[in-house]
Amino acid sequence: EFKKSTSELKKAIISICSILNKHGKGTVYFGVEDDGIV
């Protein structure tokens, strides 16, 4: 999951939860836009 900044921390936490429930592990990047641009 990509988040442009930590201003999206709440959304990132929800993503962490949803990824854990389906896959058991994952990665969130802060400083990367949804389209993958750093």
PDB file of all heavy atoms in Angstrom:
ATOM      1  N   GLU A   1       0.848  -1.192   0.000  1.00  0.00           N
ATOM      2  CA  GLU A   1       0.000   0.000   0.000  1.00  0.00           C
ATOM      3  C   GLU A   1       0.882   1.240   0.000  1.00  0.00           C
ATOM      4  O   GLU A   1       1.900   1.287   0.701  1.00  0.00           O
ATOM      5  CB  GLU A   1      -0.895  -0.003   1.241  1.00  0.00           C
ATOM      6  CG  GLU A   1      -1.785   1.201   1.389  1.00  0.00           C
ATOM      7  CD  GLU A   1      -2.897   1.295   0.352  1.00  0.00           C
ATOM      8  OE1 GLU A   1      -3.220   0.286  -0.303  1.00  0.00           O
ATOM      9  OE2 GLU A   1      -3.445   2.386   0.178  1.00  0.00           O
ATOM     10  N   PHE A   2       0.500   2.251  -0.791  1.00  0.00           N
ATOM     11  CA  PHE A   2       1.228   3.510  -0.857  1.00  0.00           C
ATOM     12  C   PHE A   2       0.404   4.610  -0.201  1.00  0.00           C
ATOM     13  O   PHE A   2      -0.804   4.698  -0.413  1.00  0.00           O
ATOM     14  CB  PHE A   2       1.494   3.933  -2.298  1.00  0.00           C
ATOM     15  CG  PHE A   2       2.327   2.957  -3.080  1.00  0.00           C
ATOM     16  CD1 PHE A   2       2.125   2.803  -4.437  1.00  0.00           C
ATOM     17  CD2 PHE A   2       3.325   2.213  -2.474  1.00  0.00           C
ATOM     18  CE1 PHE A   2       2.900   1.922  -5.181  1.00  0.00           C
ATOM     19  CE2 PHE A   2       4.101   1.329  -3.202  1.00  0.00           C
ATOM     20  CZ  PHE A   2       3.882   1.185  -4.563  1.00  0.00           C
ATOM     21  N   LYS A   3       1.094   5.467   0.534  1.00  0.00           N
ATOM     22  CA  LYS A   3       0.483   6.665   1.098  1.00  0.00           C
ATOM     23  C   LYS A   3       1.424   7.828   0.807  1.00  0.00           C
ATOM     24  O   LYS A   3       2.635   7.725   1.004  1.00  0.00           O
ATOM     25  CB  LYS A   3       0.262   6.536   2.605  1.00  0.00           C
ATOM     26  CG  LYS A   3      -0.736   5.448   2.979  1.00  0.00           C
ATOM     27  CD  LYS A   3      -2.103   5.746   2.427  1.00  0.00           C
ATOM     28  CE  LYS A   3      -3.100   4.645   2.720  1.00  0.00           C
ATOM     29  NZ  LYS A   3      -4.236   4.677   1.802  1.00  0.00           N
ATOM     30  N   LYS A   4       0.853   8.932   0.335  1.00  0.00           N
ATOM     31  CA  LYS A   4       1.658  10.097  -0.036  1.00  0.00           C
ATOM     32  C   LYS A   4       2.420  10.635   1.169  1.00  0.00           C
ATOM     33  O   LYS A   4       3.571  11.042   1.046  1.00  0.00           O
ATOM     34  CB  LYS A   4       0.748  11.171  -0.628  1.00  0.00           C
ATOM     35  CG  LYS A   4       1.482  12.361  -1.174  1.00  0.00           C
ATOM     36  CD  LYS A   4       0.539  13.321  -1.857  1.00  0.00           C
ATOM     37  CE  LYS A   4       1.307  14.489  -2.435  1.00  0.00           C
ATOM     38  NZ  LYS A   4       0.422  15.406  -3.149  1.00  0.00           N
ATOM     39  N   SER A   5       1.780  10.625   2.345  1.00  0.00           N
ATOM     40  CA  SER A   5       2.444  11.112   3.555  1.00  0.00           C
ATOM     41  C   SER A   5       1.772  10.525   4.791  1.00  0.00           C
ATOM     42  O   SER A   5       0.736   9.868   4.696  1.00  0.00           O
ATOM     43  CB  SER A   5       2.396  12.643   3.618  1.00  0.00           C
ATOM     44  OG  SER A   5       1.097  13.066   3.963  1.00  0.00           O
ATOM     45  N   THR A   6       2.349  10.814   5.941  1.00  0.00           N
ATOM     46  CA  THR A   6       1.774  10.321   7.191  1.00  0.00           C
ATOM     47  C   THR A   6       0.478  11.045   7.545  1.00  0.00           C
ATOM     48  O   THR A   6      -0.189  10.663   8.497  1.00  0.00           O
ATOM     49  CB  THR A   6       2.786  10.452   8.354  1.00  0.00           C
ATOM     50  OG1 THR A   6       3.298  11.775   8.382  1.00  0.00           O
ATOM     51  CG2 THR A   6       3.916   9.455   8.206  1.00  0.00           C
ATOM     52  N   SER A   7       0.092  12.041   6.770  1.00  0.00           N
ATOM     53  CA  SER A   7      -1.237  12.643   6.968  1.00  0.00           C
ATOM     54  C   SER A   7      -2.326  11.616   6.663  1.00  0.00           C
ATOM     55  O   SER A   7      -3.476  11.786   7.069  1.00  0.00           O
ATOM     56  CB  SER A   7      -1.411  13.887   6.090  1.00  0.00           C
ATOM     57  OG  SER A   7      -1.438  13.529   4.720  1.00  0.00           O
ATOM     58  N   GLU A   8      -1.952  10.534   5.980  1.00  0.00           N
ATOM     59  CA  GLU A   8      -2.884   9.449   5.662  1.00  0.00           C
ATOM     60  C   GLU A   8      -2.679   8.242   6.592  1.00  0.00           C
ATOM     61  O   GLU A   8      -3.011   7.119   6.230  1.00  0.00           O
ATOM     62  CB  GLU A   8      -2.697   9.010   4.213  1.00  0.00           C
ATOM     63  CG  GLU A   8      -2.994  10.103   3.204  1.00  0.00           C
ATOM     64  CD  GLU A   8      -2.790   9.618   1.781  1.00  0.00           C
ATOM     65  OE1 GLU A   8      -1.629   9.427   1.375  1.00  0.00           O
ATOM     66  OE2 GLU A   8      -3.812   9.427   1.091  1.00  0.00           O
ATOM     67  N   LEU A   9      -2.170   8.492   7.799  1.00  0.00           N
ATOM     68  CA  LEU A   9      -1.854   7.404   8.724  1.00  0.00           C
ATOM     69  C   LEU A   9      -3.071   6.570   9.090  1.00  0.00           C
ATOM     70  O   LEU A   9      -2.992   5.344   9.147  1.00  0.00           O
ATOM     71  CB  LEU A   9      -1.176   7.955   9.987  1.00  0.00           C
ATOM     72  CG  LEU A   9      -0.711   6.943  11.020  1.00  0.00           C
ATOM     73  CD1 LEU A   9       0.216   5.888  10.417  1.00  0.00           C
ATOM     74  CD2 LEU A   9      -0.026   7.653  12.188  1.00  0.00           C
ATOM     75  N   LYS A  10      -4.217   7.206   9.318  1.00  0.00           N
ATOM     76  CA  LYS A  10      -5.427   6.440   9.670  1.00  0.00           C
ATOM     77  C   LYS A  10      -5.792   5.473   8.544  1.00  0.00           C
ATOM     78  O   LYS A  10      -6.083   4.295   8.792  1.00  0.00           O
ATOM     79  CB  LYS A  10      -6.598   7.373   9.978  1.00  0.00           C
ATOM     80  CG  LYS A  10      -7.842   6.613  10.415  1.00  0.00           C
ATOM     81  CD  LYS A  10      -8.971   7.519  10.856  1.00  0.00           C
ATOM     82  CE  LYS A  10     -10.154   6.678  11.314  1.00  0.00           C
ATOM     83  NZ  LYS A  10     -11.237   7.506  11.843  1.00  0.00           N
ATOM     84  N   LYS A  11      -5.762   5.933   7.310  1.00  0.00           N
ATOM     85  CA  LYS A  11      -6.053   5.057   6.166  1.00  0.00           C
ATOM     86  C   LYS A  11      -5.020   3.939   6.066  1.00  0.00           C
ATOM     87  O   LYS A  11      -5.347   2.807   5.714  1.00  0.00           O
ATOM     88  CB  LYS A  11      -6.079   5.861   4.860  1.00  0.00           C
ATOM     89  CG  LYS A  11      -7.277   6.762   4.729  1.00  0.00           C
ATOM     90  CD  LYS A  11      -7.205   7.533   3.418  1.00  0.00           C
ATOM     91  CE  LYS A  11      -8.351   8.514   3.284  1.00  0.00           C
ATOM     92  NZ  LYS A  11      -8.270   9.282   2.048  1.00  0.00           N
ATOM     93  N   ALA A  12      -3.763   4.260   6.374  1.00  0.00           N
ATOM     94  CA  ALA A  12      -2.702   3.245   6.339  1.00  0.00           C
ATOM     95  C   ALA A  12      -2.950   2.161   7.382  1.00  0.00           C
ATOM     96  O   ALA A  12      -2.756   0.969   7.110  1.00  0.00           O
ATOM     97  CB  ALA A  12      -1.338   3.898   6.567  1.00  0.00           C
ATOM     98  N   ILE A  13      -3.405   2.550   8.552  1.00  0.00           N
ATOM     99  CA  ILE A  13      -3.688   1.579   9.612  1.00  0.00           C
ATOM    100  C   ILE A  13      -4.830   0.660   9.201  1.00  0.00           C
ATOM    101  O   ILE A  13      -4.785  -0.552   9.434  1.00  0.00           O
ATOM    102  CB  ILE A  13      -3.960   2.307  10.947  1.00  0.00           C
ATOM    103  CG1 ILE A  13      -2.629   2.880  11.464  1.00  0.00           C
ATOM    104  CG2 ILE A  13      -4.615   1.387  11.969  1.00  0.00           C
ATOM    105  CD1 ILE A  13      -2.747   3.791  12.660  1.00  0.00           C
ATOM    106  N   ILE A  14      -5.834   1.205   8.557  1.00  0.00           N
ATOM    107  CA  ILE A  14      -6.939   0.379   8.045  1.00  0.00           C
ATOM    108  C   ILE A  14      -6.413  -0.584   6.979  1.00  0.00           C
ATOM    109  O   ILE A  14      -6.785  -1.767   6.958  1.00  0.00           O
ATOM    110  CB  ILE A  14      -8.080   1.273   7.502  1.00  0.00           C
ATOM    111  CG1 ILE A  14      -8.775   1.975   8.684  1.00  0.00           C
ATOM    112  CG2 ILE A  14      -9.073   0.466   6.668  1.00  0.00           C
ATOM    113  CD1 ILE A  14      -9.747   3.066   8.299  1.00  0.00           C
ATOM    114  N   SER A  15      -5.515  -0.119   6.119  1.00  0.00           N
ATOM    115  CA  SER A  15      -4.915  -0.994   5.107  1.00  0.00           C
ATOM    116  C   SER A  15      -4.101  -2.108   5.749  1.00  0.00           C
ATOM    117  O   SER A  15      -4.161  -3.258   5.315  1.00  0.00           O
ATOM    118  CB  SER A  15      -4.031  -0.187   4.149  1.00  0.00           C
ATOM    119  OG  SER A  15      -4.810   0.677   3.364  1.00  0.00           O
ATOM    120  N   ILE A  16      -3.337  -1.780   6.782  1.00  0.00           N
ATOM    121  CA  ILE A  16      -2.554  -2.802   7.490  1.00  0.00           C
ATOM    122  C   ILE A  16      -3.482  -3.879   8.022  1.00  0.00           C
ATOM    123  O   ILE A  16      -3.240  -5.078   7.839  1.00  0.00           O
ATOM    124  CB  ILE A  16      -1.719  -2.161   8.623  1.00  0.00           C
ATOM    125  CG1 ILE A  16      -0.588  -1.317   8.044  1.00  0.00           C
ATOM    126  CG2 ILE A  16      -1.177  -3.240   9.571  1.00  0.00           C
ATOM    127  CD1 ILE A  16       0.129  -0.434   9.058  1.00  0.00           C
ATOM    128  N   CYS A  17      -4.565  -3.474   8.654  1.00  0.00           N
ATOM    129  CA  CYS A  17      -5.547  -4.416   9.195  1.00  0.00           C
ATOM    130  C   CYS A  17      -6.127  -5.305   8.095  1.00  0.00           C
ATOM    131  O   CYS A  17      -6.187  -6.526   8.238  1.00  0.00           O
ATOM    132  CB  CYS A  17      -6.647  -3.624   9.890  1.00  0.00           C
ATOM    133  SG  CYS A  17      -8.076  -4.588  10.383  1.00  0.00           S
ATOM    134  N   SER A  18      -6.539  -4.704   7.011  1.00  0.00           N
ATOM    135  CA  SER A  18      -7.182  -5.478   5.940  1.00  0.00           C
ATOM    136  C   SER A  18      -6.197  -6.440   5.270  1.00  0.00           C
ATOM    137  O   SER A  18      -6.558  -7.559   4.918  1.00  0.00           O
ATOM    138  CB  SER A  18      -7.832  -4.559   4.903  1.00  0.00           C
ATOM    139  OG  SER A  18      -6.886  -3.868   4.151  1.00  0.00           O
ATOM    140  N   ILE A  19      -4.947  -6.022   5.120  1.00  0.00           N
ATOM    141  CA  ILE A  19      -3.921  -6.896   4.543  1.00  0.00           C
ATOM    142  C   ILE A  19      -3.629  -8.058   5.486  1.00  0.00           C
ATOM    143  O   ILE A  19      -3.520  -9.209   5.058  1.00  0.00           O
ATOM    144  CB  ILE A  19      -2.646  -6.092   4.213  1.00  0.00           C
ATOM    145  CG1 ILE A  19      -2.904  -5.133   3.045  1.00  0.00           C
ATOM    146  CG2 ILE A  19      -1.482  -7.031   3.886  1.00  0.00           C
ATOM    147  CD1 ILE A  19      -1.812  -4.081   2.828  1.00  0.00           C
ATOM    148  N   LEU A  20      -3.522  -7.765   6.783  1.00  0.00           N
ATOM    149  CA  LEU A  20      -3.293  -8.831   7.764  1.00  0.00           C
ATOM    150  C   LEU A  20      -4.406  -9.871   7.716  1.00  0.00           C
ATOM    151  O   LEU A  20      -4.145 -11.077   7.781  1.00  0.00           O
ATOM    152  CB  LEU A  20      -3.198  -8.254   9.179  1.00  0.00           C
ATOM    153  CG  LEU A  20      -1.901  -7.552   9.539  1.00  0.00           C
ATOM    154  CD1 LEU A  20      -2.066  -6.800  10.860  1.00  0.00           C
ATOM    155  CD2 LEU A  20      -0.758  -8.544   9.622  1.00  0.00           C
ATOM    156  N   ASN A  21      -5.643  -9.415   7.605  1.00  0.00           N
ATOM    157  CA  ASN A  21      -6.778 -10.346   7.611  1.00  0.00           C
ATOM    158  C   ASN A  21      -6.815 -11.243   6.383  1.00  0.00           C
ATOM    159  O   ASN A  21      -7.332 -12.351   6.445  1.00  0.00           O
ATOM    160  CB  ASN A  21      -8.102  -9.594   7.766  1.00  0.00           C
ATOM    161  CG  ASN A  21      -8.317  -9.137   9.191  1.00  0.00           C
ATOM    162  OD1 ASN A  21      -7.802  -9.735  10.134  1.00  0.00           O
ATOM    163  ND2 ASN A  21      -9.082  -8.073   9.348  1.00  0.00           N
ATOM    164  N   LYS A  22      -6.244 -10.792   5.287  1.00  0.00           N
ATOM    165  CA  LYS A  22      -6.260 -11.617   4.081  1.00  0.00           C
ATOM    166  C   LYS A  22      -4.944 -12.357   3.838  1.00  0.00           C
ATOM    167  O   LYS A  22      -4.944 -13.519   3.458  1.00  0.00           O
ATOM    168  CB  LYS A  22      -6.589 -10.768   2.851  1.00  0.00           C
ATOM    169  CG  LYS A  22      -6.730 -11.636   1.594  1.00  0.00           C
ATOM    170  CD  LYS A  22      -7.566 -10.996   0.562  1.00  0.00           C
ATOM    171  CE  LYS A  22      -7.829 -11.918  -0.602  1.00  0.00           C
ATOM    172  NZ  LYS A  22      -8.483 -11.209  -1.690  1.00  0.00           N
ATOM    173  N   HIS A  23      -3.816 -11.677   4.065  1.00  0.00           N
ATOM    174  CA  HIS A  23      -2.524 -12.246   3.672  1.00  0.00           C
ATOM    175  C   HIS A  23      -1.562 -12.527   4.828  1.00  0.00           C
ATOM    176  O   HIS A  23      -0.572 -13.223   4.631  1.00  0.00           O
ATOM    177  CB  HIS A  23      -1.836 -11.323   2.662  1.00  0.00           C
ATOM    178  CG  HIS A  23      -2.616 -11.152   1.403  1.00  0.00           C
ATOM    179  ND1 HIS A  23      -2.696 -12.122   0.431  1.00  0.00           N
ATOM    180  CD2 HIS A  23      -3.382 -10.118   0.967  1.00  0.00           C
ATOM    181  CE1 HIS A  23      -3.474 -11.688  -0.554  1.00  0.00           C
ATOM    182  NE2 HIS A  23      -3.899 -10.490  -0.252  1.00  0.00           N
ATOM    183  N   GLY A  24      -1.816 -11.928   5.994  1.00  0.00           N
ATOM    184  CA  GLY A  24      -0.954 -12.169   7.148  1.00  0.00           C
ATOM    185  C   GLY A  24       0.318 -11.347   7.185  1.00  0.00           C
ATOM    186  O   GLY A  24       1.000 -11.307   8.194  1.00  0.00           O
ATOM    187  N   LYS A  25       0.648 -10.648   6.084  1.00  0.00           N
ATOM    188  CA  LYS A  25       1.824  -9.780   6.077  1.00  0.00           C
ATOM    189  C   LYS A  25       1.750  -8.828   4.895  1.00  0.00           C
ATOM    190  O   LYS A  25       1.044  -9.086   3.912  1.00  0.00           O
ATOM    191  CB  LYS A  25       3.120 -10.589   6.007  1.00  0.00           C
ATOM    192  CG  LYS A  25       3.308 -11.370   4.726  1.00  0.00           C
ATOM    193  CD  LYS A  25       4.606 -12.135   4.755  1.00  0.00           C
ATOM    194  CE  LYS A  25       4.772 -12.888   3.438  1.00  0.00           C
ATOM    195  NZ  LYS A  25       6.066 -13.556   3.371  1.00  0.00           N
ATOM    196  N   GLY A  26       2.487  -7.709   5.007  1.00  0.00           N
ATOM    197  CA  GLY A  26       2.487  -6.739   3.929  1.00  0.00           C
ATOM    198  C   GLY A  26       3.411  -5.576   4.229  1.00  0.00           C
ATOM    199  O   GLY A  26       4.145  -5.587   5.217  1.00  0.00           O
ATOM    200  N   THR A  27       3.320  -4.541   3.372  1.00  0.00           N
ATOM    201  CA  THR A  27       4.192  -3.376   3.488  1.00  0.00           C
ATOM    202  C   THR A  27       3.408  -2.114   3.124  1.00  0.00           C
ATOM    203  O   THR A  27       2.656  -2.112   2.149  1.00  0.00           O
ATOM    204  CB  THR A  27       5.399  -3.498   2.538  1.00  0.00           C
ATOM    205  OG1 THR A  27       6.032  -4.770   2.756  1.00  0.00           O
ATOM    206  CG2 THR A  27       6.408  -2.395   2.766  1.00  0.00           C
ATOM    207  N   VAL A  28       3.618  -1.061   3.916  1.00  0.00           N
ATOM    208  CA  VAL A  28       3.069   0.261   3.609  1.00  0.00           C
ATOM    209  C   VAL A  28       4.248   1.206   3.393  1.00  0.00           C
ATOM    210  O   VAL A  28       5.193   1.214   4.185  1.00  0.00           O
ATOM    211  CB  VAL A  28       2.161   0.799   4.740  1.00  0.00           C
ATOM    212  CG1 VAL A  28       1.776   2.246   4.495  1.00  0.00           C
ATOM    213  CG2 VAL A  28       0.908  -0.056   4.885  1.00  0.00           C
ATOM    214  N   TYR A  29       4.181   1.984   2.312  1.00  0.00           N
ATOM    215  CA  TYR A  29       5.198   2.987   1.999  1.00  0.00           C
ATOM    216  C   TYR A  29       4.584   4.371   2.198  1.00  0.00           C
ATOM    217  O   TYR A  29       3.564   4.686   1.585  1.00  0.00           O
ATOM    218  CB  TYR A  29       5.634   2.892   0.539  1.00  0.00           C
ATOM    219  CG  TYR A  29       6.420   1.655   0.184  1.00  0.00           C
ATOM    220  CD1 TYR A  29       5.798   0.435  -0.018  1.00  0.00           C
ATOM    221  CD2 TYR A  29       7.805   1.722   0.026  1.00  0.00           C
ATOM    222  CE1 TYR A  29       6.520  -0.697  -0.358  1.00  0.00           C
ATOM    223  CE2 TYR A  29       8.539   0.591  -0.317  1.00  0.00           C
ATOM    224  CZ  TYR A  29       7.885  -0.609  -0.506  1.00  0.00           C
ATOM    225  OH  TYR A  29       8.604  -1.724  -0.850  1.00  0.00           O
ATOM    226  N   PHE A  30       5.222   5.205   3.027  1.00  0.00           N
ATOM    227  CA  PHE A  30       4.849   6.617   3.137  1.00  0.00           C
ATOM    228  C   PHE A  30       5.845   7.409   2.304  1.00  0.00           C
ATOM    229  O   PHE A  30       7.053   7.242   2.442  1.00  0.00           O
ATOM    230  CB  PHE A  30       4.915   7.089   4.596  1.00  0.00           C
ATOM    231  CG  PHE A  30       3.831   6.513   5.464  1.00  0.00           C
ATOM    232  CD1 PHE A  30       4.095   5.438   6.286  1.00  0.00           C
ATOM    233  CD2 PHE A  30       2.557   7.057   5.444  1.00  0.00           C
ATOM    234  CE1 PHE A  30       3.108   4.903   7.091  1.00  0.00           C
ATOM    235  CE2 PHE A  30       1.561   6.522   6.247  1.00  0.00           C
ATOM    236  CZ  PHE A  30       1.827   5.445   7.077  1.00  0.00           C
ATOM    237  N   GLY A  31       5.314   8.282   1.431  1.00  0.00           N
ATOM    238  CA  GLY A  31       6.163   9.063   0.543  1.00  0.00           C
ATOM    239  C   GLY A  31       6.049   8.600  -0.895  1.00  0.00           C
ATOM    240  O   GLY A  31       6.841   8.985  -1.747  1.00  0.00           O
ATOM    241  N   VAL A  32       5.022   7.773  -1.160  1.00  0.00           N
ATOM    242  CA  VAL A  32       4.795   7.264  -2.514  1.00  0.00           C
ATOM    243  C   VAL A  32       3.315   7.466  -2.854  1.00  0.00           C
ATOM    244  O   VAL A  32       2.433   7.097  -2.078  1.00  0.00           O
ATOM    245  CB  VAL A  32       5.164   5.763  -2.624  1.00  0.00           C
ATOM    246  CG1 VAL A  32       4.946   5.263  -4.048  1.00  0.00           C
ATOM    247  CG2 VAL A  32       6.594   5.522  -2.184  1.00  0.00           C
ATOM    248  N   GLU A  33       3.057   8.074  -3.998  1.00  0.00           N
ATOM    249  CA  GLU A  33       1.671   8.298  -4.428  1.00  0.00           C
ATOM    250  C   GLU A  33       1.046   6.988  -4.918  1.00  0.00           C
ATOM    251  O   GLU A  33       1.753   6.036  -5.241  1.00  0.00           O
ATOM    252  CB  GLU A  33       1.622   9.359  -5.520  1.00  0.00           C
ATOM    253  CG  GLU A  33       2.003  10.722  -4.996  1.00  0.00           C
ATOM    254  CD  GLU A  33       1.840  11.832  -6.022  1.00  0.00           C
ATOM    255  OE1 GLU A  33       1.664  11.535  -7.226  1.00  0.00           O
ATOM    256  OE2 GLU A  33       1.895  13.000  -5.612  1.00  0.00           O
ATOM    257  N   ASP A  34      -0.282   6.968  -5.005  1.00  0.00           N
ATOM    258  CA  ASP A  34      -1.016   5.762  -5.418  1.00  0.00           C
ATOM    259  C   ASP A  34      -0.532   5.192  -6.749  1.00  0.00           C
ATOM    260  O   ASP A  34      -0.563   3.991  -6.967  1.00  0.00           O
ATOM    261  CB  ASP A  34      -2.521   6.051  -5.526  1.00  0.00           C
ATOM    262  CG  ASP A  34      -3.187   6.150  -4.162  1.00  0.00           C
ATOM    263  OD1 ASP A  34      -2.581   5.724  -3.158  1.00  0.00           O
ATOM    264  OD2 ASP A  34      -4.318   6.665  -4.103  1.00  0.00           O
ATOM    265  N   ASP A  35      -0.092   6.069  -7.641  1.00  0.00           N
ATOM    266  CA  ASP A  35       0.358   5.608  -8.964  1.00  0.00           C
ATOM    267  C   ASP A  35       1.816   5.130  -8.959  1.00  0.00           C
ATOM    268  O   ASP A  35       2.363   4.792 -10.004  1.00  0.00           O
ATOM    269  CB  ASP A  35       0.148   6.690 -10.015  1.00  0.00           C
ATOM    270  CG  ASP A  35       0.891   7.982  -9.703  1.00  0.00           C
ATOM    271  OD1 ASP A  35       1.677   8.023  -8.720  1.00  0.00           O
ATOM    272  OD2 ASP A  35       0.690   8.965 -10.438  1.00  0.00           O
ATOM    273  N   GLY A  36       2.451   5.126  -7.765  1.00  0.00           N
ATOM    274  CA  GLY A  36       3.813   4.613  -7.655  1.00  0.00           C
ATOM    275  C   GLY A  36       4.912   5.647  -7.783  1.00  0.00           C
ATOM    276  O   GLY A  36       6.092   5.319  -7.682  1.00  0.00           O
ATOM    277  N   ILE A  37       4.552   6.899  -7.978  1.00  0.00           N
ATOM    278  CA  ILE A  37       5.560   7.947  -8.087  1.00  0.00           C
ATOM    279  C   ILE A  37       6.060   8.311  -6.694  1.00  0.00           C
ATOM    280  O   ILE A  37       5.276   8.607  -5.793  1.00  0.00           O
ATOM    281  CB  ILE A  37       5.004   9.191  -8.805  1.00  0.00           C
ATOM    282  CG1 ILE A  37       4.660   8.823 -10.264  1.00  0.00           C
ATOM    283  CG2 ILE A  37       5.998  10.348  -8.758  1.00  0.00           C
ATOM    284  CD1 ILE A  37       3.940   9.900 -11.028  1.00  0.00           C
ATOM    285  N   VAL A  38       7.378   8.281  -6.523  1.00  0.00           N
ATOM    286  CA  VAL A  38       7.999   8.583  -5.234  1.00  0.00           C
ATOM    287  C   VAL A  38       8.062  10.099  -5.063  1.00  0.00           C
ATOM    288  O   VAL A  38       8.635  10.798  -5.891  1.00  0.00           O
ATOM    289  CB  VAL A  38       9.409   7.968  -5.141  1.00  0.00           C
ATOM    290  CG1 VAL A  38      10.066   8.317  -3.819  1.00  0.00           C
ATOM    291  CG2 VAL A  38       9.354   6.456  -5.323  1.00  0.00           C
TER     292      VAL A  38
END
